C-alpha atoms as a PDB file:
ATOM      1  CA  MET A   1      -0.010   0.010   0.010  1.00  0.00           C
ATOM      2  CA  SER A   2       1.455   3.352  -1.040  1.00  0.00           C
ATOM      3  CA  LEU A   3       1.332   6.367   1.240  1.00  0.00           C
ATOM      4  CA  ALA A   4      -0.765   9.392   0.256  1.00  0.00           C
ATOM      5  CA  ALA A   5       1.032  12.363  -0.875  1.00  0.00           C
ATOM      6  CA  GLY A   6       2.227  14.782   1.993  1.00  0.00           C
ATOM      7  CA  ARG A   7       1.886  11.942   4.561  1.00  0.00           C
ATOM      8  CA  THR A   8       4.720  10.267   6.392  1.00  0.00           C
ATOM      9  CA  ASP A   9       5.291   6.960   8.150  1.00  0.00           C
ATOM     10  CA  TRP A  10       5.329   7.501  11.834  1.00  0.00           C
ATOM     11  CA  ALA A  11       7.083   4.188  12.348  1.00  0.00           C
ATOM     12  CA  ALA A  12      10.070   5.342  10.107  1.00  0.00           C
ATOM     13  CA  GLU A  13      10.267   8.556  12.029  1.00  0.00           C
ATOM     14  CA  ALA A  14      10.707   6.739  15.293  1.00  0.00           C
ATOM     15  CA  GLU A  15      13.342   4.498  13.692  1.00  0.00           C
ATOM     16  CA  ASP A  16      15.212   7.427  12.582  1.00  0.00           C
ATOM     17  CA  GLU A  17      15.127   9.060  16.031  1.00  0.00           C
ATOM     18  CA  ASP A  18      16.243   5.854  17.647  1.00  0.00           C
ATOM     19  CA  LEU A  19      19.251   5.695  15.261  1.00  0.00           C
ATOM     20  CA  ALA A  20      20.166   9.372  15.952  1.00  0.00           C
ATOM     21  CA  THR A  21      20.026   8.892  19.745  1.00  0.00           C
ATOM     22  CA  ALA A  22      21.981   5.490  19.674  1.00  0.00           C
ATOM     23  CA  LEU A  23      25.321   5.402  21.571  1.00  0.00           C
ATOM     24  CA  PRO A  24      28.355   3.530  20.395  1.00  0.00           C
ATOM     25  CA  ALA A  25      29.653   0.650  22.437  1.00  0.00           C
ATOM     26  CA  PRO A  26      32.413   1.529  24.957  1.00  0.00           C
ATOM     27  CA  GLN A  27      35.863   1.081  23.557  1.00  0.00           C
ATOM     28  CA  ILE A  28      38.658  -0.310  25.571  1.00  0.00           C
ATOM     29  CA  THR A  29      42.283   0.214  24.528  1.00  0.00           C
ATOM     30  CA  LYS A  30      45.252  -1.231  26.210  1.00  0.00           C
ATOM     31  CA  ASN A  31      48.263   0.955  26.615  1.00  0.00           C
ATOM     32  CA  LYS A  32      51.998  -0.098  26.821  1.00  0.00           C
ATOM     33  CA  ASP A  33      52.380   0.691  30.405  1.00  0.00           C
ATOM     34  CA  GLY A  34      49.719  -1.798  31.355  1.00  0.00           C
ATOM     35  CA  SER A  35      46.930   0.863  31.844  1.00  0.00           C
ATOM     36  CA  GLU A  36      43.598   0.945  29.834  1.00  0.00           C
ATOM     37  CA  THR A  37      41.852   3.739  28.155  1.00  0.00           C
ATOM     38  CA  ILE A  38      38.051   3.375  28.347  1.00  0.00           C
ATOM     39  CA  THR A  39      35.895   5.579  25.902  1.00  0.00           C
ATOM     40  CA  THR A  40      32.184   5.755  26.521  1.00  0.00           C
ATOM     41  CA  PHE A  41      29.462   8.052  25.021  1.00  0.00           C
ATOM     42  CA  VAL A  42      26.453   9.466  27.181  1.00  0.00           C
ATOM     43  CA  ILE A  43      23.673  11.788  26.538  1.00  0.00           C
ATOM     44  CA  ARG A  44      23.329  14.722  28.928  1.00  0.00           C
ATOM     45  CA  ASP A  45      19.963  16.163  30.175  1.00  0.00           C
ATOM     46  CA  ASP A  46      19.991  18.775  27.454  1.00  0.00           C
ATOM     47  CA  GLY A  47      20.277  16.145  24.705  1.00  0.00           C
ATOM     48  CA  GLN A  48      23.885  16.601  23.669  1.00  0.00           C
ATOM     49  CA  LYS A  49      25.940  13.577  23.281  1.00  0.00           C
ATOM     50  CA  VAL A  50      29.244  13.711  25.349  1.00  0.00           C
ATOM     51  CA  LYS A  51      32.319  11.606  24.943  1.00  0.00           C
ATOM     52  CA  GLN A  52      34.038  10.493  28.104  1.00  0.00           C
ATOM     53  CA  THR A  53      37.599   9.055  28.242  1.00  0.00           C
ATOM     54  CA  ARG A  54      38.936   7.464  31.315  1.00  0.00           C
ATOM     55  CA  ARG A  55      42.419   5.831  31.909  1.00  0.00           C
ATOM     56  CA  ILE A  56      42.784   3.265  34.555  1.00  0.00           C
ATOM     57  CA  LYS A  57      45.294   1.029  35.740  1.00  0.00           C
ATOM     58  CA  LYS A  58      44.547  -2.265  37.505  1.00  0.00           C
ATOM     59  CA  THR A  59      46.603  -3.727  40.268  1.00  0.00           C
ATOM     60  CA  VAL A  60      46.442  -7.331  41.062  1.00  0.00           C
ATOM     61  CA  ILE A  61      46.255  -8.072  44.893  1.00  0.00           C
ATOM     62  CA  ARG A  62      46.526 -11.564  46.046  1.00  0.00           C
ATOM     63  CA  GLU A  63      44.946 -12.524  49.400  1.00  0.00           C
ATOM     64  CA  LYS A  64      43.876 -15.629  51.121  1.00  0.00           C
ATOM     65  CA  VAL A  65      40.163 -15.980  51.390  1.00  0.00           C
ATOM     66  CA  ASN A  66      37.523 -18.630  52.467  1.00  0.00           C
ATOM     67  CA  PRO A  67      37.368 -21.366  49.660  1.00  0.00           C
ATOM     68  CA  ARG A  68      33.686 -20.705  49.596  1.00  0.00           C
ATOM     69  CA  VAL A  69      34.277 -17.190  48.847  1.00  0.00           C
ATOM     70  CA  ALA A  70      36.673 -17.943  46.058  1.00  0.00           C
ATOM     71  CA  GLU A  71      34.176 -20.254  44.598  1.00  0.00           C
ATOM     72  CA  ARG A  72      31.380 -17.715  44.505  1.00  0.00           C
ATOM     73  CA  ARG A  73      33.666 -15.336  42.591  1.00  0.00           C
ATOM     74  CA  GLN A  74      33.789 -17.776  39.831  1.00  0.00           C
ATOM     75  CA  TRP A  75      30.106 -18.073  39.299  1.00  0.00           C
ATOM     76  CA  ALA A  76      28.827 -16.875  35.846  1.00  0.00           C
ATOM     77  CA  LYS A  77      27.180 -13.451  35.914  1.00  0.00           C
ATOM     78  CA  PHE A  78      23.363 -13.169  35.111  1.00  0.00           C
ATOM     79  CA  GLY A  79      20.855 -10.507  34.384  1.00  0.00           C
ATOM     80  CA  ALA A  80      22.110  -7.138  33.062  1.00  0.00           C
ATOM     81  CA  GLU A  81      25.653  -8.354  33.675  1.00  0.00           C
ATOM     82  CA  ALA A  82      25.303 -11.668  31.820  1.00  0.00           C
ATOM     83  CA  GLY A  83      28.151 -12.516  29.631  1.00  0.00           C
ATOM     84  CA  ARG A  84      30.627  -9.988  31.378  1.00  0.00           C
ATOM     85  CA  PRO A  85      34.104 -11.191  32.466  1.00  0.00           C
ATOM     86  CA  LEU A  86      34.651 -12.102  36.060  1.00  0.00           C
ATOM     87  CA  GLY A  87      35.193  -9.300  38.597  1.00  0.00           C
ATOM     88  CA  PRO A  88      33.592  -5.871  38.961  1.00  0.00           C
ATOM     89  CA  GLN A  89      33.242  -3.663  35.898  1.00  0.00           C
ATOM     90  CA  THR A  90      34.217  -0.006  36.300  1.00  0.00           C
ATOM     91  CA  ASP A  91      31.384   1.249  34.135  1.00  0.00           C
ATOM     92  CA  THR A  92      28.650  -0.300  36.397  1.00  0.00           C
ATOM     93  CA  THR A  93      30.245  -1.175  39.850  1.00  0.00           C
ATOM     94  CA  SER A  94      31.766   0.816  42.448  1.00  0.00           C
ATOM     95  CA  VAL A  95      34.272  -1.017  44.701  1.00  0.00           C
ATOM     96  CA  GLY A  96      33.931  -0.170  48.263  1.00  0.00           C
ATOM     97  CA  GLU A  97      36.325  -0.920  51.287  1.00  0.00           C
ATOM     98  CA  ASN A  98      36.418  -4.443  52.216  1.00  0.00           C
ATOM     99  CA  ILE A  99      35.609  -4.616  55.890  1.00  0.00           C
ATOM    100  CA  VAL A 100      36.626  -7.829  57.873  1.00  0.00           C
ATOM    101  CA  PHE A 101      34.288  -8.994  60.619  1.00  0.00           C
ATOM    102  CA  ARG A 102      36.151 -10.507  63.512  1.00  0.00           C
ATOM    103  CA  PRO A 103      33.631 -11.719  66.169  1.00  0.00           C
ATOM    104  CA  GLN A 104      34.949 -11.354  69.841  1.00  0.00           C
ATOM    105  CA  ALA A 105      34.254 -13.483  72.734  1.00  0.00           C
ATOM    106  CA  GLY A 106      32.391 -11.699  75.598  1.00  0.00           C
ATOM    107  CA  PHE A 107      31.681  -8.670  73.416  1.00  0.00           C
ATOM    108  CA  LYS A 108      28.911  -6.382  74.973  1.00  0.00           C
ATOM    109  CA  PRO A 109      27.083  -3.725  73.124  1.00  0.00           C
ATOM    110  CA  GLY A 110      27.839  -0.181  74.445  1.00  0.00           C
ATOM    111  CA  GLY A 111      31.019  -1.492  76.186  1.00  0.00           C
ATOM    112  CA  ALA A 112      33.222   0.735  74.299  1.00  0.00           C
ATOM    113  CA  GLU A 113      30.948   3.803  74.801  1.00  0.00           C
ATOM    114  CA  LYS A 114      31.375   3.199  78.572  1.00  0.00           C
ATOM    115  CA  GLU A 115      35.120   2.963  78.331  1.00  0.00           C
ATOM    116  CA  ASN A 116      34.993   6.306  76.445  1.00  0.00           C
ATOM    117  CA  GLU A 117      32.826   7.862  79.129  1.00  0.00           C
ATOM    118  CA  SER A 118      35.062   6.736  81.938  1.00  0.00           C
ATOM    119  CA  ALA A 119      38.170   8.038  80.120  1.00  0.00           C
ATOM    120  CA  LYS A 120      36.456  11.347  79.428  1.00  0.00           C
ATOM    121  CA  THR A 121      35.570  11.566  83.279  1.00  0.00           C
ATOM    122  CA  GLN A 122      39.122  11.057  84.185  1.00  0.00           C
ATOM    123  CA  LYS A 123      40.419  13.628  81.534  1.00  0.00           C
ATOM    124  CA  ASP A 124      37.925  16.209  82.854  1.00  0.00           C
ATOM    125  CA  ALA A 125      39.090  15.588  86.364  1.00  0.00           C
ATOM    126  CA  LEU A 126      42.627  16.162  85.338  1.00  0.00           C
ATOM    127  CA  LYS A 127      41.698  19.551  83.932  1.00  0.00           C
ATOM    128  CA  ASN A 128      40.935  20.840  87.331  1.00  0.00           C
ATOM    129  CA  VAL A 129      44.192  19.823  88.859  1.00  0.00           C
ATOM    130  CA  SER A 130      46.693  22.702  89.090  1.00  0.00           C
ATOM    131  CA  ILE A 131      50.485  22.305  89.522  1.00  0.00           C
ATOM    132  CA  LYS A 132      51.909  24.343  92.331  1.00  0.00           C
ATOM    133  CA  CYS A 133      55.630  24.706  93.260  1.00  0.00           C
ATOM    134  CA  ARG A 134      56.191  24.240  97.068  1.00  0.00           C
ATOM    135  CA  ILE A 135      58.996  26.686  96.963  1.00  0.00           C
ATOM    136  CA  CYS A 136      57.921  29.778  95.060  1.00  0.00           C
ATOM    137  CA  SER A 137      54.107  28.753  94.593  1.00  0.00           C
ATOM    138  CA  GLY A 138      54.649  29.029  90.891  1.00  0.00           C
ATOM    139  CA  ASP A 139      52.805  27.098  88.203  1.00  0.00           C
ATOM    140  CA  HIS A 140      55.348  24.492  87.646  1.00  0.00           C
ATOM    141  CA  PHE A 141      56.886  21.448  89.286  1.00  0.00           C
ATOM    142  CA  THR A 142      59.025  21.988  92.407  1.00  0.00           C
ATOM    143  CA  THR A 143      61.907  20.046  90.744  1.00  0.00           C
ATOM    144  CA  LYS A 144      61.744  22.708  87.896  1.00  0.00           C
ATOM    145  CA  CYS A 145      61.807  25.611  90.341  1.00  0.00           C
ATOM    146  CA  PRO A 146      64.610  28.098  89.455  1.00  0.00           C
ATOM    147  CA  PHE A 147      64.971  28.753  93.152  1.00  0.00           C
ATOM    148  CA  LYS A 148      65.212  25.134  94.508  1.00  0.00           C
ATOM    149  CA  ASP A 149      69.077  25.770  95.324  1.00  0.00           C
ATOM    150  CA  THR A 150      68.628  28.933  97.177  1.00  0.00           C
ATOM    151  CA  MET A 151      65.209  28.619  98.929  1.00  0.00           C
ATOM    152  CA  ALA A 152      63.497  25.937 101.020  1.00  0.00           C
ATOM    153  CA  PRO A 153      59.937  24.777 100.526  1.00  0.00           C
ATOM    154  CA  GLU A 154      57.339  27.012 102.256  1.00  0.00           C
ATOM    155  CA  GLY A 155      56.715  25.569 105.779  1.00  0.00           C
ATOM    156  CA  GLU A 156      59.798  23.412 105.813  1.00  0.00           C
ATOM    157  CA  PRO A 157      63.037  24.519 107.640  1.00  0.00           C
ATOM    158  CA  GLY A 158      66.360  24.285 105.852  1.00  0.00           C
ATOM    159  CA  THR A 159      68.981  21.719 105.947  1.00  0.00           C
ATOM    160  CA  THR A 160      71.621  22.458 108.638  1.00  0.00           C
ATOM    161  CA  PRO A 161      74.818  20.704 109.378  1.00  0.00           C
ATOM    162  CA  GLY A 162      73.403  19.348 112.478  1.00  0.00           C
ATOM    163  CA  ASP A 163      70.764  17.417 110.580  1.00  0.00           C
ATOM    164  CA  LEU A 164      73.617  15.628 108.626  1.00  0.00           C
ATOM    165  CA  GLY A 165      75.231  14.552 111.853  1.00  0.00           C
ATOM    166  CA  LEU A 166      78.449  16.293 111.001  1.00  0.00           C
ATOM    167  CA  GLU A 167      78.402  19.241 113.688  1.00  0.00           C
ATOM    168  CA  ASP A 168      80.981  17.784 115.978  1.00  0.00           C
ATOM    169  CA  ALA A 169      83.074  15.831 113.453  1.00  0.00           C
ATOM    170  CA  PRO A 170      86.636  16.728 113.465  1.00  0.00           C
ATOM    171  CA  ALA A 171      88.473  17.786 110.349  1.00  0.00           C
ATOM    172  CA  GLY A 172      89.027  14.810 108.092  1.00  0.00           C
ATOM    173  CA  GLY A 173      87.356  12.539 110.622  1.00  0.00           C
ATOM    174  CA  LEU A 174      84.552  10.036 110.084  1.00  0.00           C
ATOM    175  CA  GLY A 175      80.983  11.413 110.173  1.00  0.00           C
ATOM    176  CA  THR A 176      78.011   9.584 111.317  1.00  0.00           C
ATOM    177  CA  SER A 177      76.940   8.859 107.702  1.00  0.00           C
ATOM    178  CA  GLY A 178      79.876   6.526 107.428  1.00  0.00           C
ATOM    179  CA  SER A 179      81.834   8.456 104.834  1.00  0.00           C
ATOM    180  CA  SER A 180      85.564   9.689 105.555  1.00  0.00           C
ATOM    181  CA  TYR A 181      85.054  12.837 103.537  1.00  0.00           C
ATOM    182  CA  VAL A 182      83.639  16.088 105.212  1.00  0.00           C
ATOM    183  CA  PRO A 183      83.057  19.114 103.080  1.00  0.00           C
ATOM    184  CA  PRO A 184      85.201  22.177 103.812  1.00  0.00           C
ATOM    185  CA  HIS A 185      82.347  24.257 104.966  1.00  0.00           C
ATOM    186  CA  LEU A 186      81.373  21.659 107.550  1.00  0.00           C
ATOM    187  CA  ARG A 187      84.785  21.263 109.086  1.00  0.00           C
ATOM    188  CA  LYS A 188      85.651  22.725 112.575  1.00  0.00           C
ATOM    189  CA  GLY A 189      82.140  22.879 113.467  1.00  0.00           C
ATOM    190  CA  GLY A 190      80.900  24.579 110.394  1.00  0.00           C
ATOM    191  CA  ALA A 191      82.960  27.707 110.798  1.00  0.00           C
ATOM    192  CA  GLY A 192      84.926  27.241 107.533  1.00  0.00           C
ATOM    193  CA  THR A 193      83.392  28.524 104.428  1.00  0.00           C
ATOM    194  CA  GLY A 194      85.533  26.693 101.974  1.00  0.00           C
ATOM    195  CA  GLU A 195      87.067  28.163  98.650  1.00  0.00           C
ATOM    196  CA  ARG A 196      84.529  29.889  96.456  1.00  0.00           C
ATOM    197  CA  MET A 197      85.064  29.331  92.679  1.00  0.00           C
ATOM    198  CA  GLY A 198      83.044  32.262  91.413  1.00  0.00           C
ATOM    199  CA  GLY A 199      85.516  34.849  92.596  1.00  0.00           C
ATOM    200  CA  LYS A 200      84.406  38.435  92.109  1.00  0.00           C
ATOM    201  CA  TYR A 201      81.280  37.756  90.040  1.00  0.00           C
ATOM    202  CA  GLU A 202      79.740  34.812  92.077  1.00  0.00           C
ATOM    203  CA  ARG A 203      76.036  35.165  92.636  1.00  0.00           C
ATOM    204  CA  ASP A 204      75.102  35.726  96.359  1.00  0.00           C
ATOM    205  CA  ASP A 205      72.385  33.079  97.089  1.00  0.00           C
ATOM    206  CA  LEU A 206      71.087  35.227  99.800  1.00  0.00           C
ATOM    207  CA  ALA A 207      70.384  38.297  97.629  1.00  0.00           C
ATOM    208  CA  THR A 208      66.984  37.143  96.261  1.00  0.00           C
ATOM    209  CA  LEU A 209      63.980  39.425  96.745  1.00  0.00           C
ATOM    210  CA  ARG A 210      60.397  38.317  96.584  1.00  0.00           C
ATOM    211  CA  VAL A 211      58.116  40.992  95.002  1.00  0.00           C
ATOM    212  CA  THR A 212      54.342  40.487  95.477  1.00  0.00           C
ATOM    213  CA  ASN A 213      51.189  42.559  94.559  1.00  0.00           C
ATOM    214  CA  VAL A 214      52.592  42.647  90.754  1.00  0.00           C
ATOM    215  CA  SER A 215      50.150  43.748  88.005  1.00  0.00           C
ATOM    216  CA  GLU A 216      49.004  40.849  85.918  1.00  0.00           C
ATOM    217  CA  PHE A 217      50.226  42.908  82.821  1.00  0.00           C
ATOM    218  CA  ALA A 218      53.690  43.189  84.075  1.00  0.00           C
ATOM    219  CA  GLU A 219      56.775  41.464  82.177  1.00  0.00           C
ATOM    220  CA  GLU A 220      60.242  40.407  83.290  1.00  0.00           C
ATOM    221  CA  ASN A 221      62.001  43.048  81.332  1.00  0.00           C
ATOM    222  CA  ASP A 222      59.893  45.812  83.459  1.00  0.00           C
ATOM    223  CA  LEU A 223      60.991  44.246  86.724  1.00  0.00           C
ATOM    224  CA  ARG A 224      64.540  44.027  85.449  1.00  0.00           C
ATOM    225  CA  GLU A 225      64.653  47.733  84.437  1.00  0.00           C
ATOM    226  CA  MET A 226      63.285  48.771  87.792  1.00  0.00           C
ATOM    227  CA  PHE A 227      65.660  46.805  89.849  1.00  0.00           C
ATOM    228  CA  GLU A 228      68.809  47.162  87.838  1.00  0.00           C
ATOM    229  CA  ARG A 229      69.056  50.765  89.061  1.00  0.00           C
ATOM    230  CA  PHE A 230      70.278  49.358  92.431  1.00  0.00           C
ATOM    231  CA  GLY A 231      72.675  46.859  91.173  1.00  0.00           C
ATOM    232  CA  ARG A 232      73.533  44.077  88.919  1.00  0.00           C
ATOM    233  CA  VAL A 233      70.446  41.603  88.551  1.00  0.00           C
ATOM    234  CA  THR A 234      71.501  38.020  87.741  1.00  0.00           C
ATOM    235  CA  ARG A 235      67.977  36.436  87.583  1.00  0.00           C
ATOM    236  CA  VAL A 236      64.297  37.661  87.203  1.00  0.00           C
ATOM    237  CA  PHE A 237      61.485  34.990  87.572  1.00  0.00           C
ATOM    238  CA  LEU A 238      57.846  36.226  86.995  1.00  0.00           C
ATOM    239  CA  ALA A 239      55.311  33.579  87.720  1.00  0.00           C
ATOM    240  CA  LYS A 240      52.528  33.486  84.857  1.00  0.00           C
ATOM    241  CA  ASP A 241      49.316  31.571  84.232  1.00  0.00           C
ATOM    242  CA  ARG A 242      49.704  28.864  81.544  1.00  0.00           C
ATOM    243  CA  GLU A 243      46.200  29.471  80.137  1.00  0.00           C
ATOM    244  CA  THR A 244      46.043  33.320  80.092  1.00  0.00           C
ATOM    245  CA  GLY A 245      49.946  34.149  79.880  1.00  0.00           C
ATOM    246  CA  ARG A 246      49.544  36.946  82.418  1.00  0.00           C
ATOM    247  CA  ALA A 247      51.350  37.449  85.657  1.00  0.00           C
ATOM    248  CA  LYS A 248      50.168  35.576  88.671  1.00  0.00           C
ATOM    249  CA  GLY A 249      51.018  38.485  91.141  1.00  0.00           C
ATOM    250  CA  PHE A 250      54.469  37.682  92.313  1.00  0.00           C
ATOM    251  CA  ALA A 251      58.054  37.463  91.269  1.00  0.00           C
ATOM    252  CA  PHE A 252      61.611  36.889  92.436  1.00  0.00           C
ATOM    253  CA  VAL A 253      64.551  39.027  91.563  1.00  0.00           C
ATOM    254  CA  SER A 254      68.174  37.798  92.383  1.00  0.00           C
ATOM    255  CA  PHE A 255      71.159  40.311  92.804  1.00  0.00           C
ATOM    256  CA  LEU A 256      74.871  39.829  92.462  1.00  0.00           C
ATOM    257  CA  ASP A 257      75.363  41.485  95.790  1.00  0.00           C
ATOM    258  CA  ARG A 258      73.422  41.374  98.977  1.00  0.00           C
ATOM    259  CA  ALA A 259      73.977  44.961  99.685  1.00  0.00           C
ATOM    260  CA  ASP A 260      72.261  45.998  96.447  1.00  0.00           C
ATOM    261  CA  ALA A 261      69.309  43.811  97.233  1.00  0.00           C
ATOM    262  CA  ALA A 262      68.965  45.352 100.515  1.00  0.00           C
ATOM    263  CA  ARG A 263      68.987  48.815  99.013  1.00  0.00           C
ATOM    264  CA  ALA A 264      66.454  47.794  96.400  1.00  0.00           C
ATOM    265  CA  CYS A 265      64.300  46.218  99.031  1.00  0.00           C
ATOM    266  CA  GLU A 266      64.217  49.458 100.973  1.00  0.00           C
ATOM    267  CA  LYS A 267      63.527  51.742  97.908  1.00  0.00           C
ATOM    268  CA  MET A 268      61.155  49.428  96.128  1.00  0.00           C
ATOM    269  CA  ASP A 269      59.006  48.432  99.014  1.00  0.00           C
ATOM    270  CA  GLY A 270      55.759  50.449  98.737  1.00  0.00           C
ATOM    271  CA  TYR A 271      56.736  51.601  95.080  1.00  0.00           C
ATOM    272  CA  GLY A 272      53.737  52.002  92.686  1.00  0.00           C
ATOM    273  CA  PHE A 273      53.776  50.030  89.622  1.00  0.00           C
ATOM    274  CA  GLY A 274      50.865  49.316  87.321  1.00  0.00           C
ATOM    275  CA  HIS A 275      48.247  50.958  89.552  1.00  0.00           C
ATOM    276  CA  LEU A 276      49.317  48.661  92.368  1.00  0.00           C
ATOM    277  CA  ILE A 277      51.693  49.043  95.367  1.00  0.00           C
ATOM    278  CA  LEU A 278      54.503  46.772  95.380  1.00  0.00           C
ATOM    279  CA  LYS A 279      55.588  44.703  98.402  1.00  0.00           C
ATOM    280  CA  VAL A 280      59.223  43.771  98.489  1.00  0.00           C
ATOM    281  CA  GLU A 281      60.914  41.433 100.952  1.00  0.00           C
ATOM    282  CA  PHE A 282      63.776  39.011 101.141  1.00  0.00           C
ATOM    283  CA  ALA A 283      62.949  35.567 100.179  1.00  0.00           C
ATOM    284  CA  LYS A 284      63.046  32.809 102.645  1.00  0.00           C
ATOM    285  CA  LYS A 285      66.320  31.250 102.492  1.00  0.00           C
ATOM    286  CA  SER A 286      67.709  27.736 103.400  1.00  0.00           C
ATOM    287  CA  THR A 287      70.268  27.864 106.259  1.00  0.00           C
END
């Protein structure tokens, strides 16, 4: 049957449209370096045909698995994947992470959460614990105190020769400790001072001042500049808060000479600094 003039066959038009929208089959090209170049064609939402090119490289990883798992991997594919080679196909399958399940004896659901809660409780408790030096009350350990050799801990008397059992020991004699050596400053009843190695510039351990009521915005350089007017300053320690970095209200200033420290103590006690009145006194020393 011939078609009337001016009329078209709707089946032929549908066939032409299918041919226009038909996509070529994916092309896989093997490269010399062992990788593969996969070329595919897709149609976007706006109707345009787009060519996509991907270059992949396969790595063979050998692992020991259960024989039943290995047997399942050899099964022939079915459905939309019928006829495809073994293994996942990159154009249809996304390979995820292989999670290995290892059952544990005595496992209790929520046990890990309880352990995490207990660890968190201990961590919160440690946050409230503050470190305080027993010598200068600073925010550090007593063993790290810069004045551990010149000052005794608060509330504790200093060590004396009598405490060592060497007060009445004759020169070169045996002490109660069982050692035949007696330090020079403990010989003759502790009257001898021994030889000093520092010479002219040795630091006087008794020339340390304790400065309190210090402004929280003070710095060590500020204190050094104020006290260096009275003599040579060998060390300045300003206690600071770990979290804020501001001064905690007290400091220690060591002079080379005790006479300079005494003059500084007399002049600086009651001195106004940072809208506060400083209190200066000699630090408690060990005897």
